[in-house]
């Protein structure tokens, strides 16, 4: 059973990575609309359980534009999905 599960959505736009919806332990979810001009969305997650004091951390892509050249160009400019909550 999770002791702590937190996550943050990140959206890649022409302005860079923008923070989206979040879940903070003890505070619940905060919902944010996705930017209309996003080209990529991912979620960064941290999970800590009773079995392991070390938090498991990972990212996963949740949405990608069909315009792959836009995604590639903006990833080159702004980098990969942030590793932060």
PDB file of N, CA and C in Angstrom:
ATOM      1  N   UNK A   1       0.835  -1.181   0.000  1.00  0.00           N
ATOM      2  CA  UNK A   1       0.000   0.000   0.000  1.00  0.00           C
ATOM      3  C   UNK A   1       0.882   1.247   0.000  1.00  0.00           C
ATOM      4  N   UNK A   2       0.575   2.233  -0.849  1.00  0.00           N
ATOM      5  CA  UNK A   2       1.405   3.442  -0.907  1.00  0.00           C
ATOM      6  C   UNK A   2       1.339   4.258   0.380  1.00  0.00           C
ATOM      7  N   UNK A   3       2.481   4.729   0.794  1.00  0.00           N
ATOM      8  CA  UNK A   3       2.571   5.679   1.894  1.00  0.00           C
ATOM      9  C   UNK A   3       2.426   7.083   1.306  1.00  0.00           C
ATOM     10  N   UNK A   4       3.021   7.244   0.121  1.00  0.00           N
ATOM     11  CA  UNK A   4       2.968   8.543  -0.554  1.00  0.00           C
ATOM     12  C   UNK A   4       2.939   8.309  -2.061  1.00  0.00           C
ATOM     13  N   UNK A   5       1.969   8.905  -2.727  1.00  0.00           N
ATOM     14  CA  UNK A   5       1.921   8.858  -4.187  1.00  0.00           C
ATOM     15  C   UNK A   5       1.613  10.275  -4.668  1.00  0.00           C
ATOM     16  N   UNK A   6       2.571  10.841  -5.397  1.00  0.00           N
ATOM     17  CA  UNK A   6       2.409  12.198  -5.913  1.00  0.00           C
ATOM     18  C   UNK A   6       2.759  12.194  -7.392  1.00  0.00           C
ATOM     19  N   UNK A   7       2.148  13.113  -8.133  1.00  0.00           N
ATOM     20  CA  UNK A   7       2.445  13.225  -9.562  1.00  0.00           C
ATOM     21  C   UNK A   7       2.181  14.631 -10.055  1.00  0.00           C
ATOM     22  N   UNK A   8       2.808  14.934 -11.182  1.00  0.00           N
ATOM     23  CA  UNK A   8       2.623  16.213 -11.865  1.00  0.00           C
ATOM     24  C   UNK A   8       2.573  15.957 -13.359  1.00  0.00           C
ATOM     25  N   UNK A   9       1.580  16.535 -14.024  1.00  0.00           N
ATOM     26  CA  UNK A   9       1.529  16.502 -15.485  1.00  0.00           C
ATOM     27  C   UNK A   9       2.376  17.650 -16.015  1.00  0.00           C
ATOM     28  N   UNK A  10       3.075  17.406 -17.122  1.00  0.00           N
ATOM     29  CA  UNK A  10       3.862  18.431 -17.797  1.00  0.00           C
ATOM     30  C   UNK A  10       3.459  18.458 -19.260  1.00  0.00           C
ATOM     31  N   UNK A  11       3.336  19.664 -19.822  1.00  0.00           N
ATOM     32  CA  UNK A  11       2.914  19.839 -21.214  1.00  0.00           C
ATOM     33  C   UNK A  11       3.968  20.665 -21.947  1.00  0.00           C
ATOM     34  N   UNK A  12       4.440  20.125 -23.063  1.00  0.00           N
ATOM     35  CA  UNK A  12       5.416  20.837 -23.880  1.00  0.00           C
ATOM     36  C   UNK A  12       4.675  21.725 -24.875  1.00  0.00           C
ATOM     37  N   UNK A  13       4.974  23.021 -24.829  1.00  0.00           N
ATOM     38  CA  UNK A  13       4.330  24.016 -25.683  1.00  0.00           C
ATOM     39  C   UNK A  13       5.421  24.848 -26.370  1.00  0.00           C
ATOM     40  N   UNK A  14       5.061  25.723 -27.291  1.00  0.00           N
ATOM     41  CA  UNK A  14       6.061  26.614 -27.889  1.00  0.00           C
ATOM     42  C   UNK A  14       6.762  27.513 -26.867  1.00  0.00           C
ATOM     43  N   UNK A  15       6.208  27.671 -25.684  1.00  0.00           N
ATOM     44  CA  UNK A  15       6.814  28.475 -24.616  1.00  0.00           C
ATOM     45  C   UNK A  15       7.715  27.651 -23.698  1.00  0.00           C
ATOM     46  N   UNK A  16       7.717  26.346 -23.874  1.00  0.00           N
ATOM     47  CA  UNK A  16       8.497  25.451 -23.011  1.00  0.00           C
ATOM     48  C   UNK A  16       7.572  24.501 -22.260  1.00  0.00           C
ATOM     49  N   UNK A  17       8.116  23.858 -21.234  1.00  0.00           N
ATOM     50  CA  UNK A  17       7.330  22.925 -20.418  1.00  0.00           C
ATOM     51  C   UNK A  17       6.456  23.707 -19.447  1.00  0.00           C
ATOM     52  N   UNK A  18       5.162  23.372 -19.433  1.00  0.00           N
ATOM     53  CA  UNK A  18       4.212  24.025 -18.525  1.00  0.00           C
ATOM     54  C   UNK A  18       3.612  22.984 -17.589  1.00  0.00           C
ATOM     55  N   UNK A  19       3.544  23.361 -16.327  1.00  0.00           N
ATOM     56  CA  UNK A  19       2.995  22.479 -15.301  1.00  0.00           C
ATOM     57  C   UNK A  19       1.489  22.367 -15.469  1.00  0.00           C
ATOM     58  N   UNK A  20       0.983  21.142 -15.347  1.00  0.00           N
ATOM     59  CA  UNK A  20      -0.452  20.901 -15.456  1.00  0.00           C
ATOM     60  C   UNK A  20      -1.025  20.446 -14.127  1.00  0.00           C
ATOM     61  N   UNK A  21      -1.910  19.485 -14.178  1.00  0.00           N
ATOM     62  CA  UNK A  21      -2.560  18.950 -12.984  1.00  0.00           C
ATOM     63  C   UNK A  21      -1.522  18.299 -12.070  1.00  0.00           C
ATOM     64  N   UNK A  22      -1.833  18.279 -10.766  1.00  0.00           N
ATOM     65  CA  UNK A  22      -0.917  17.700  -9.784  1.00  0.00           C
ATOM     66  C   UNK A  22      -1.675  16.902  -8.733  1.00  0.00           C
ATOM     67  N   UNK A  23      -0.949  16.019  -8.073  1.00  0.00           N
ATOM     68  CA  UNK A  23      -1.448  15.347  -6.874  1.00  0.00           C
ATOM     69  C   UNK A  23      -0.363  15.480  -5.820  1.00  0.00           C
ATOM     70  N   UNK A  24      -0.724  16.069  -4.703  1.00  0.00           N
ATOM     71  CA  UNK A  24       0.196  16.252  -3.587  1.00  0.00           C
ATOM     72  C   UNK A  24      -0.335  15.460  -2.403  1.00  0.00           C
ATOM     73  N   UNK A  25       0.521  14.650  -1.812  1.00  0.00           N
ATOM     74  CA  UNK A  25       0.123  13.811  -0.676  1.00  0.00           C
ATOM     75  C   UNK A  25      -0.494  14.669   0.432  1.00  0.00           C
ATOM     76  N   UNK A  26      -1.644  14.275   0.876  1.00  0.00           N
ATOM     77  CA  UNK A  26      -2.323  14.986   1.950  1.00  0.00           C
ATOM     78  C   UNK A  26      -3.148  16.183   1.500  1.00  0.00           C
ATOM     79  N   UNK A  27      -3.016  16.564   0.222  1.00  0.00           N
ATOM     80  CA  UNK A  27      -3.754  17.721  -0.286  1.00  0.00           C
ATOM     81  C   UNK A  27      -4.686  17.361  -1.433  1.00  0.00           C
ATOM     82  N   UNK A  28      -4.510  16.191  -2.024  1.00  0.00           N
ATOM     83  CA  UNK A  28      -5.379  15.763  -3.117  1.00  0.00           C
ATOM     84  C   UNK A  28      -4.929  16.290  -4.466  1.00  0.00           C
ATOM     85  N   UNK A  29      -5.847  16.222  -5.424  1.00  0.00           N
ATOM     86  CA  UNK A  29      -5.554  16.607  -6.804  1.00  0.00           C
ATOM     87  C   UNK A  29      -5.924  18.058  -7.069  1.00  0.00           C
ATOM     88  N   UNK A  30      -5.139  18.688  -7.923  1.00  0.00           N
ATOM     89  CA  UNK A  30      -5.448  20.005  -8.455  1.00  0.00           C
ATOM     90  C   UNK A  30      -5.508  19.847  -9.961  1.00  0.00           C
ATOM     91  N   UNK A  31      -6.644  20.142 -10.563  1.00  0.00           N
ATOM     92  CA  UNK A  31      -6.840  19.930 -11.999  1.00  0.00           C
ATOM     93  C   UNK A  31      -6.603  21.224 -12.763  1.00  0.00           C
ATOM     94  N   UNK A  32      -5.887  21.110 -13.867  1.00  0.00           N
ATOM     95  CA  UNK A  32      -5.561  22.237 -14.727  1.00  0.00           C
ATOM     96  C   UNK A  32      -5.831  21.807 -16.163  1.00  0.00           C
ATOM     97  N   UNK A  33      -6.465  22.662 -16.949  1.00  0.00           N
ATOM     98  CA  UNK A  33      -6.720  22.352 -18.362  1.00  0.00           C
ATOM     99  C   UNK A  33      -5.405  22.284 -19.133  1.00  0.00           C
ATOM    100  N   UNK A  34      -5.329  21.358 -20.077  1.00  0.00           N
ATOM    101  CA  UNK A  34      -4.138  21.260 -20.915  1.00  0.00           C
ATOM    102  C   UNK A  34      -4.075  22.470 -21.842  1.00  0.00           C
ATOM    103  N   UNK A  35      -2.869  22.995 -22.106  1.00  0.00           N
ATOM    104  CA  UNK A  35      -2.735  24.100 -23.058  1.00  0.00           C
ATOM    105  C   UNK A  35      -3.181  23.639 -24.450  1.00  0.00           C
ATOM    106  N   UNK A  36      -3.882  24.496 -25.161  1.00  0.00           N
ATOM    107  CA  UNK A  36      -4.389  24.145 -26.490  1.00  0.00           C
ATOM    108  C   UNK A  36      -3.269  23.929 -27.499  1.00  0.00           C
ATOM    109  N   UNK A  37      -2.115  24.558 -27.263  1.00  0.00           N
ATOM    110  CA  UNK A  37      -1.014  24.443 -28.210  1.00  0.00           C
ATOM    111  C   UNK A  37       0.059  23.434 -27.776  1.00  0.00           C
ATOM    112  N   UNK A  38      -0.280  22.536 -26.875  1.00  0.00           N
ATOM    113  CA  UNK A  38       0.685  21.520 -26.445  1.00  0.00           C
ATOM    114  C   UNK A  38       1.006  20.573 -27.602  1.00  0.00           C
ATOM    115  N   UNK A  39       2.212  20.041 -27.592  1.00  0.00           N
ATOM    116  CA  UNK A  39       2.594  19.042 -28.591  1.00  0.00           C
ATOM    117  C   UNK A  39       2.940  17.711 -27.936  1.00  0.00           C
ATOM    118  N   UNK A  40       3.124  17.727 -26.611  1.00  0.00           N
ATOM    119  CA  UNK A  40       3.489  16.523 -25.873  1.00  0.00           C
ATOM    120  C   UNK A  40       3.061  16.692 -24.425  1.00  0.00           C
ATOM    121  N   UNK A  41       2.563  15.618 -23.837  1.00  0.00           N
ATOM    122  CA  UNK A  41       2.231  15.626 -22.412  1.00  0.00           C
ATOM    123  C   UNK A  41       2.837  14.390 -21.764  1.00  0.00           C
ATOM    124  N   UNK A  42       3.306  14.560 -20.542  1.00  0.00           N
ATOM    125  CA  UNK A  42       3.835  13.438 -19.778  1.00  0.00           C
ATOM    126  C   UNK A  42       3.456  13.639 -18.320  1.00  0.00           C
ATOM    127  N   UNK A  43       3.642  12.597 -17.549  1.00  0.00           N
ATOM    128  CA  UNK A  43       3.391  12.702 -16.114  1.00  0.00           C
ATOM    129  C   UNK A  43       4.626  12.169 -15.388  1.00  0.00           C
ATOM    130  N   UNK A  44       5.088  12.941 -14.411  1.00  0.00           N
ATOM    131  CA  UNK A  44       6.190  12.529 -13.548  1.00  0.00           C
ATOM    132  C   UNK A  44       5.562  12.073 -12.236  1.00  0.00           C
ATOM    133  N   UNK A  45       5.982  10.879 -11.752  1.00  0.00           N
ATOM    134  CA  UNK A  45       5.364  10.306 -10.559  1.00  0.00           C
ATOM    135  C   UNK A  45       6.405   9.880  -9.538  1.00  0.00           C
ATOM    136  N   UNK A  46       6.020   9.955  -8.280  1.00  0.00           N
ATOM    137  CA  UNK A  46       6.823   9.425  -7.190  1.00  0.00           C
ATOM    138  C   UNK A  46       5.915   8.592  -6.302  1.00  0.00           C
ATOM    139  N   UNK A  47       6.385   7.382  -5.976  1.00  0.00           N
ATOM    140  CA  UNK A  47       5.616   6.452  -5.154  1.00  0.00           C
ATOM    141  C   UNK A  47       6.516   5.902  -4.071  1.00  0.00           C
ATOM    142  N   UNK A  48       6.047   5.999  -2.837  1.00  0.00           N
ATOM    143  CA  UNK A  48       6.795   5.461  -1.706  1.00  0.00           C
ATOM    144  C   UNK A  48       5.867   4.522  -0.948  1.00  0.00           C
ATOM    145  N   UNK A  49       6.375   3.339  -0.591  1.00  0.00           N
ATOM    146  CA  UNK A  49       5.565   2.349   0.119  1.00  0.00           C
ATOM    147  C   UNK A  49       6.195   2.010   1.468  1.00  0.00           C
ATOM    148  N   UNK A  50       5.430   1.280   2.272  1.00  0.00           N
ATOM    149  CA  UNK A  50       5.959   0.800   3.555  1.00  0.00           C
ATOM    150  C   UNK A  50       7.130  -0.143   3.338  1.00  0.00           C
ATOM    151  N   UNK A  51       7.098  -0.878   2.232  1.00  0.00           N
ATOM    152  CA  UNK A  51       8.120  -1.888   1.963  1.00  0.00           C
ATOM    153  C   UNK A  51       9.470  -1.277   1.605  1.00  0.00           C
ATOM    154  N   UNK A  52       9.473  -0.052   1.102  1.00  0.00           N
ATOM    155  CA  UNK A  52      10.732   0.570   0.678  1.00  0.00           C
ATOM    156  C   UNK A  52      10.749   2.043   1.064  1.00  0.00           C
ATOM    157  N   UNK A  53      11.730   2.440   1.860  1.00  0.00           N
ATOM    158  CA  UNK A  53      11.818   3.855   2.223  1.00  0.00           C
ATOM    159  C   UNK A  53      12.250   4.727   1.034  1.00  0.00           C
ATOM    160  N   UNK A  54      12.863   4.110   0.025  1.00  0.00           N
ATOM    161  CA  UNK A  54      13.296   4.824  -1.181  1.00  0.00           C
ATOM    162  C   UNK A  54      12.108   4.997  -2.125  1.00  0.00           C
ATOM    163  N   UNK A  55      11.860   6.221  -2.564  1.00  0.00           N
ATOM    164  CA  UNK A  55      10.740   6.498  -3.462  1.00  0.00           C
ATOM    165  C   UNK A  55      11.056   6.008  -4.872  1.00  0.00           C
ATOM    166  N   UNK A  56      10.089   5.380  -5.495  1.00  0.00           N
ATOM    167  CA  UNK A  56      10.209   4.988  -6.904  1.00  0.00           C
ATOM    168  C   UNK A  56       9.787   6.205  -7.724  1.00  0.00           C
ATOM    169  N   UNK A  57      10.610   6.570  -8.721  1.00  0.00           N
ATOM    170  CA  UNK A  57      10.344   7.763  -9.528  1.00  0.00           C
ATOM    171  C   UNK A  57      10.364   7.369 -10.995  1.00  0.00           C
ATOM    172  N   UNK A  58       9.386   7.871 -11.763  1.00  0.00           N
ATOM    173  CA  UNK A  58       9.350   7.580 -13.190  1.00  0.00           C
ATOM    174  C   UNK A  58       8.510   8.601 -13.931  1.00  0.00           C
ATOM    175  N   UNK A  59       8.720   8.628 -15.265  1.00  0.00           N
ATOM    176  CA  UNK A  59       7.955   9.495 -16.157  1.00  0.00           C
ATOM    177  C   UNK A  59       7.307   8.607 -17.207  1.00  0.00           C
ATOM    178  N   UNK A  60       6.152   9.037 -17.687  1.00  0.00           N
ATOM    179  CA  UNK A  60       5.557   8.356 -18.823  1.00  0.00           C
ATOM    180  C   UNK A  60       4.810   9.357 -19.693  1.00  0.00           C
ATOM    181  N   UNK A  61       4.919   9.127 -20.982  1.00  0.00           N
ATOM    182  CA  UNK A  61       4.240   9.975 -21.953  1.00  0.00           C
ATOM    183  C   UNK A  61       2.756   9.624 -21.955  1.00  0.00           C
ATOM    184  N   UNK A  62       1.908  10.653 -21.951  1.00  0.00           N
ATOM    185  CA  UNK A  62       0.462  10.412 -21.927  1.00  0.00           C
ATOM    186  C   UNK A  62      -0.250  10.903 -23.179  1.00  0.00           C
ATOM    187  N   UNK A  63       0.401  11.775 -23.947  1.00  0.00           N
ATOM    188  CA  UNK A  63      -0.202  12.291 -25.183  1.00  0.00           C
ATOM    189  C   UNK A  63       0.885  12.865 -26.070  1.00  0.00           C
ATOM    190  N   UNK A  64       0.755  12.664 -27.401  1.00  0.00           N
ATOM    191  CA  UNK A  64       1.741  13.180 -28.360  1.00  0.00           C
ATOM    192  C   UNK A  64       1.006  13.664 -29.602  1.00  0.00           C
ATOM    193  N   UNK A  65       1.394  14.834 -30.091  1.00  0.00           N
ATOM    194  CA  UNK A  65       0.839  15.394 -31.314  1.00  0.00           C
ATOM    195  C   UNK A  65       1.208  14.504 -32.502  1.00  0.00           C
ATOM    196  N   UNK A  66       0.363  14.498 -33.501  1.00  0.00           N
ATOM    197  CA  UNK A  66       0.658  13.751 -34.729  1.00  0.00           C
ATOM    198  C   UNK A  66       1.694  14.482 -35.579  1.00  0.00           C
ATOM    199  N   UNK A  67       1.999  15.732 -35.232  1.00  0.00           N
ATOM    200  CA  UNK A  67       3.014  16.519 -35.949  1.00  0.00           C
ATOM    201  C   UNK A  67       4.376  16.266 -35.293  1.00  0.00           C
ATOM    202  N   UNK A  68       4.992  15.151 -35.664  1.00  0.00           N
ATOM    203  CA  UNK A  68       6.225  14.726 -34.999  1.00  0.00           C
ATOM    204  C   UNK A  68       7.355  15.738 -35.131  1.00  0.00           C
ATOM    205  N   UNK A  69       7.377  16.514 -36.225  1.00  0.00           N
ATOM    206  CA  UNK A  69       8.438  17.509 -36.388  1.00  0.00           C
ATOM    207  C   UNK A  69       8.322  18.613 -35.338  1.00  0.00           C
ATOM    208  N   UNK A  70       7.093  18.959 -34.922  1.00  0.00           N
ATOM    209  CA  UNK A  70       6.902  19.959 -33.867  1.00  0.00           C
ATOM    210  C   UNK A  70       7.425  19.430 -32.528  1.00  0.00           C
ATOM    211  N   UNK A  71       7.122  18.182 -32.239  1.00  0.00           N
ATOM    212  CA  UNK A  71       7.571  17.561 -30.990  1.00  0.00           C
ATOM    213  C   UNK A  71       9.097  17.532 -30.959  1.00  0.00           C
ATOM    214  N   UNK A  72       9.706  17.067 -32.030  1.00  0.00           N
ATOM    215  CA  UNK A  72      11.166  16.962 -32.097  1.00  0.00           C
ATOM    216  C   UNK A  72      11.829  18.321 -31.917  1.00  0.00           C
ATOM    217  N   UNK A  73      11.331  19.328 -32.621  1.00  0.00           N
ATOM    218  CA  UNK A  73      11.922  20.665 -32.535  1.00  0.00           C
ATOM    219  C   UNK A  73      11.827  21.237 -31.123  1.00  0.00           C
ATOM    220  N   UNK A  74      10.678  21.091 -30.484  1.00  0.00           N
ATOM    221  CA  UNK A  74      10.513  21.660 -29.137  1.00  0.00           C
ATOM    222  C   UNK A  74      11.268  20.855 -28.087  1.00  0.00           C
ATOM    223  N   UNK A  75      11.374  19.539 -28.261  1.00  0.00           N
ATOM    224  CA  UNK A  75      12.182  18.742 -27.327  1.00  0.00           C
ATOM    225  C   UNK A  75      13.660  19.124 -27.445  1.00  0.00           C
ATOM    226  N   UNK A  76      14.122  19.401 -28.655  1.00  0.00           N
ATOM    227  CA  UNK A  76      15.509  19.834 -28.828  1.00  0.00           C
ATOM    228  C   UNK A  76      15.734  21.193 -28.170  1.00  0.00           C
ATOM    229  N   UNK A  77      14.751  22.061 -28.252  1.00  0.00           N
ATOM    230  CA  UNK A  77      14.876  23.408 -27.686  1.00  0.00           C
ATOM    231  C   UNK A  77      14.759  23.417 -26.164  1.00  0.00           C
ATOM    232  N   UNK A  78      13.776  22.645 -25.611  1.00  0.00           N
ATOM    233  CA  UNK A  78      13.468  22.732 -24.176  1.00  0.00           C
ATOM    234  C   UNK A  78      13.838  21.485 -23.376  1.00  0.00           C
ATOM    235  N   UNK A  79      14.298  20.417 -24.048  1.00  0.00           N
ATOM    236  CA  UNK A  79      14.699  19.216 -23.334  1.00  0.00           C
ATOM    237  C   UNK A  79      13.539  18.272 -23.054  1.00  0.00           C
ATOM    238  N   UNK A  80      13.843  17.219 -22.327  1.00  0.00           N
ATOM    239  CA  UNK A  80      12.866  16.170 -21.993  1.00  0.00           C
ATOM    240  C   UNK A  80      11.932  16.621 -20.873  1.00  0.00           C
ATOM    241  N   UNK A  81      10.914  15.836 -20.661  1.00  0.00           N
ATOM    242  CA  UNK A  81       9.929  16.071 -19.595  1.00  0.00           C
ATOM    243  C   UNK A  81      10.663  16.263 -18.260  1.00  0.00           C
ATOM    244  N   UNK A  82      10.288  17.294 -17.482  1.00  0.00           N
ATOM    245  CA  UNK A  82      10.958  17.550 -16.198  1.00  0.00           C
ATOM    246  C   UNK A  82      10.831  16.389 -15.211  1.00  0.00           C
ATOM    247  N   UNK A  83      11.888  16.187 -14.441  1.00  0.00           N
ATOM    248  CA  UNK A  83      11.904  15.192 -13.363  1.00  0.00           C
ATOM    249  C   UNK A  83      11.586  15.892 -12.051  1.00  0.00           C
ATOM    250  N   UNK A  84      10.420  16.496 -11.974  1.00  0.00           N
ATOM    251  CA  UNK A  84      10.070  17.198 -10.740  1.00  0.00           C
ATOM    252  C   UNK A  84       8.562  17.240 -10.548  1.00  0.00           C
ATOM    253  N   UNK A  85       8.173  17.357  -9.303  1.00  0.00           N
ATOM    254  CA  UNK A  85       6.749  17.404  -8.955  1.00  0.00           C
ATOM    255  C   UNK A  85       6.213  18.794  -9.102  1.00  0.00           C
TER     256      UNK A  85
END
